[in-house]
Amino acid sequence: MMFYLNQKSKEIIEDSLGVKIDQISKMDVEKLDQCIERKIGKRLKSSLIDDYRLIGRGSVYIFLARIFGIETVDSILSKI
């Protein structure tokens, strides 16, 4: 199933990020994160575990705190 944004939603996203939708669709995730971080002036928080609303939504891994952010994985791998 595919979802499409209407024109108003596209305009809101373009205005809030300062990047055209066509460019956003071609960006990789890291580049998009950098764009958002530059726009808001701080680093994005990548940990899902702190969001209490996600626990009751059926994800066993989030409930058991078995999802790690990329920073955690990097720090564990750097110790090897």
C-alpha atoms as a PDB file:
ATOM      1  CA  MET A   1       0.000   0.000   0.000  1.00  0.00           C
ATOM      2  CA  MET A   2       1.342   3.411  -0.921  1.00  0.00           C
ATOM      3  CA  PHE A   3       0.415   6.758   0.586  1.00  0.00           C
ATOM      4  CA  TYR A   4       0.661  10.133  -1.106  1.00  0.00           C
ATOM      5  CA  LEU A   5       0.930  13.585   0.438  1.00  0.00           C
ATOM      6  CA  ASN A   6      -1.425  16.267  -0.729  1.00  0.00           C
ATOM      7  CA  GLN A   7      -0.033  19.562  -1.990  1.00  0.00           C
ATOM      8  CA  LYS A   8      -0.678  21.420   1.284  1.00  0.00           C
ATOM      9  CA  SER A   9       1.283  18.803   3.271  1.00  0.00           C
ATOM     10  CA  LYS A  10       4.165  19.013   0.800  1.00  0.00           C
ATOM     11  CA  GLU A  11       4.259  22.801   1.127  1.00  0.00           C
ATOM     12  CA  ILE A  12       4.281  22.592   4.946  1.00  0.00           C
ATOM     13  CA  ILE A  13       7.181  20.108   4.911  1.00  0.00           C
ATOM     14  CA  GLU A  14       9.128  22.212   2.397  1.00  0.00           C
ATOM     15  CA  ASP A  15       8.585  25.362   4.455  1.00  0.00           C
ATOM     16  CA  SER A  16       9.553  23.741   7.743  1.00  0.00           C
ATOM     17  CA  LEU A  17      12.723  22.057   6.408  1.00  0.00           C
ATOM     18  CA  GLY A  18      13.725  24.524   3.729  1.00  0.00           C
ATOM     19  CA  VAL A  19      14.239  21.675   1.246  1.00  0.00           C
ATOM     20  CA  LYS A  20      12.085  20.688  -1.732  1.00  0.00           C
ATOM     21  CA  ILE A  21      10.120  17.421  -1.555  1.00  0.00           C
ATOM     22  CA  ASP A  22      11.955  16.063  -4.605  1.00  0.00           C
ATOM     23  CA  GLN A  23      15.275  16.554  -2.823  1.00  0.00           C
ATOM     24  CA  ILE A  24      13.949  14.976   0.376  1.00  0.00           C
ATOM     25  CA  SER A  25      12.792  11.870  -1.476  1.00  0.00           C
ATOM     26  CA  LYS A  26      16.289  11.434  -2.951  1.00  0.00           C
ATOM     27  CA  MET A  27      18.165  11.984   0.348  1.00  0.00           C
ATOM     28  CA  ASP A  28      19.447   9.141   2.449  1.00  0.00           C
ATOM     29  CA  VAL A  29      18.440   9.025   6.104  1.00  0.00           C
ATOM     30  CA  GLU A  30      21.682  10.441   7.480  1.00  0.00           C
ATOM     31  CA  LYS A  31      21.570  13.414   5.128  1.00  0.00           C
ATOM     32  CA  LEU A  32      17.941  14.097   6.068  1.00  0.00           C
ATOM     33  CA  ASP A  33      18.827  13.898   9.767  1.00  0.00           C
ATOM     34  CA  GLN A  34      21.657  16.400   9.219  1.00  0.00           C
ATOM     35  CA  CYS A  35      19.262  18.738   7.430  1.00  0.00           C
ATOM     36  CA  ILE A  36      16.762  18.560  10.293  1.00  0.00           C
ATOM     37  CA  GLU A  37      19.496  19.015  12.922  1.00  0.00           C
ATOM     38  CA  ARG A  38      20.819  22.064  11.069  1.00  0.00           C
ATOM     39  CA  LYS A  39      17.304  23.524  10.906  1.00  0.00           C
ATOM     40  CA  ILE A  40      16.448  22.990  14.603  1.00  0.00           C
ATOM     41  CA  GLY A  41      19.945  23.782  15.862  1.00  0.00           C
ATOM     42  CA  LYS A  42      20.447  20.644  17.960  1.00  0.00           C
ATOM     43  CA  ARG A  43      21.047  16.915  17.598  1.00  0.00           C
ATOM     44  CA  LEU A  44      18.143  14.559  17.077  1.00  0.00           C
ATOM     45  CA  LYS A  45      17.430  12.077  19.823  1.00  0.00           C
ATOM     46  CA  SER A  46      17.542   8.578  18.371  1.00  0.00           C
ATOM     47  CA  SER A  47      16.472   6.452  21.328  1.00  0.00           C
ATOM     48  CA  LEU A  48      12.965   4.995  21.015  1.00  0.00           C
ATOM     49  CA  ILE A  49      12.914   3.541  24.503  1.00  0.00           C
ATOM     50  CA  ASP A  50      12.242   6.854  26.264  1.00  0.00           C
ATOM     51  CA  ASP A  51       8.901   7.297  24.507  1.00  0.00           C
ATOM     52  CA  TYR A  52       6.402   5.768  26.934  1.00  0.00           C
ATOM     53  CA  ARG A  53       3.629   5.852  24.305  1.00  0.00           C
ATOM     54  CA  LEU A  54       5.356   3.160  22.247  1.00  0.00           C
ATOM     55  CA  ILE A  55       5.491   0.553  25.013  1.00  0.00           C
ATOM     56  CA  GLY A  56       1.814  -0.392  24.872  1.00  0.00           C
ATOM     57  CA  ARG A  57       1.709  -0.631  21.078  1.00  0.00           C
ATOM     58  CA  GLY A  58       2.746  -4.251  20.745  1.00  0.00           C
ATOM     59  CA  SER A  59       6.507  -4.072  20.317  1.00  0.00           C
ATOM     60  CA  VAL A  60       8.109  -6.627  22.611  1.00  0.00           C
ATOM     61  CA  TYR A  61      11.577  -5.298  21.820  1.00  0.00           C
ATOM     62  CA  ILE A  62      10.714  -1.779  22.924  1.00  0.00           C
ATOM     63  CA  PHE A  63       8.937  -3.080  26.038  1.00  0.00           C
ATOM     64  CA  LEU A  64      11.963  -5.173  27.020  1.00  0.00           C
ATOM     65  CA  ALA A  65      14.342  -2.311  26.106  1.00  0.00           C
ATOM     66  CA  ARG A  66      16.107  -4.413  23.463  1.00  0.00           C
ATOM     67  CA  ILE A  67      16.245  -1.706  20.793  1.00  0.00           C
ATOM     68  CA  PHE A  68      19.486   0.230  20.855  1.00  0.00           C
ATOM     69  CA  GLY A  69      20.332   3.546  19.284  1.00  0.00           C
ATOM     70  CA  ILE A  70      23.195   3.732  16.816  1.00  0.00           C
ATOM     71  CA  GLU A  71      25.368   5.489  19.407  1.00  0.00           C
ATOM     72  CA  THR A  72      24.956   2.549  21.800  1.00  0.00           C
ATOM     73  CA  VAL A  73      25.823   0.027  19.092  1.00  0.00           C
ATOM     74  CA  ASP A  74      28.894   2.046  18.101  1.00  0.00           C
ATOM     75  CA  SER A  75      30.118   2.245  21.696  1.00  0.00           C
ATOM     76  CA  ILE A  76      29.649  -1.511  22.219  1.00  0.00           C
ATOM     77  CA  LEU A  77      31.453  -2.347  18.966  1.00  0.00           C
ATOM     78  CA  SER A  78      34.323   0.022  19.763  1.00  0.00           C
ATOM     79  CA  LYS A  79      35.068  -2.002  22.919  1.00  0.00           C
ATOM     80  CA  ILE A  80      35.642  -5.193  20.927  1.00  0.00           C
END
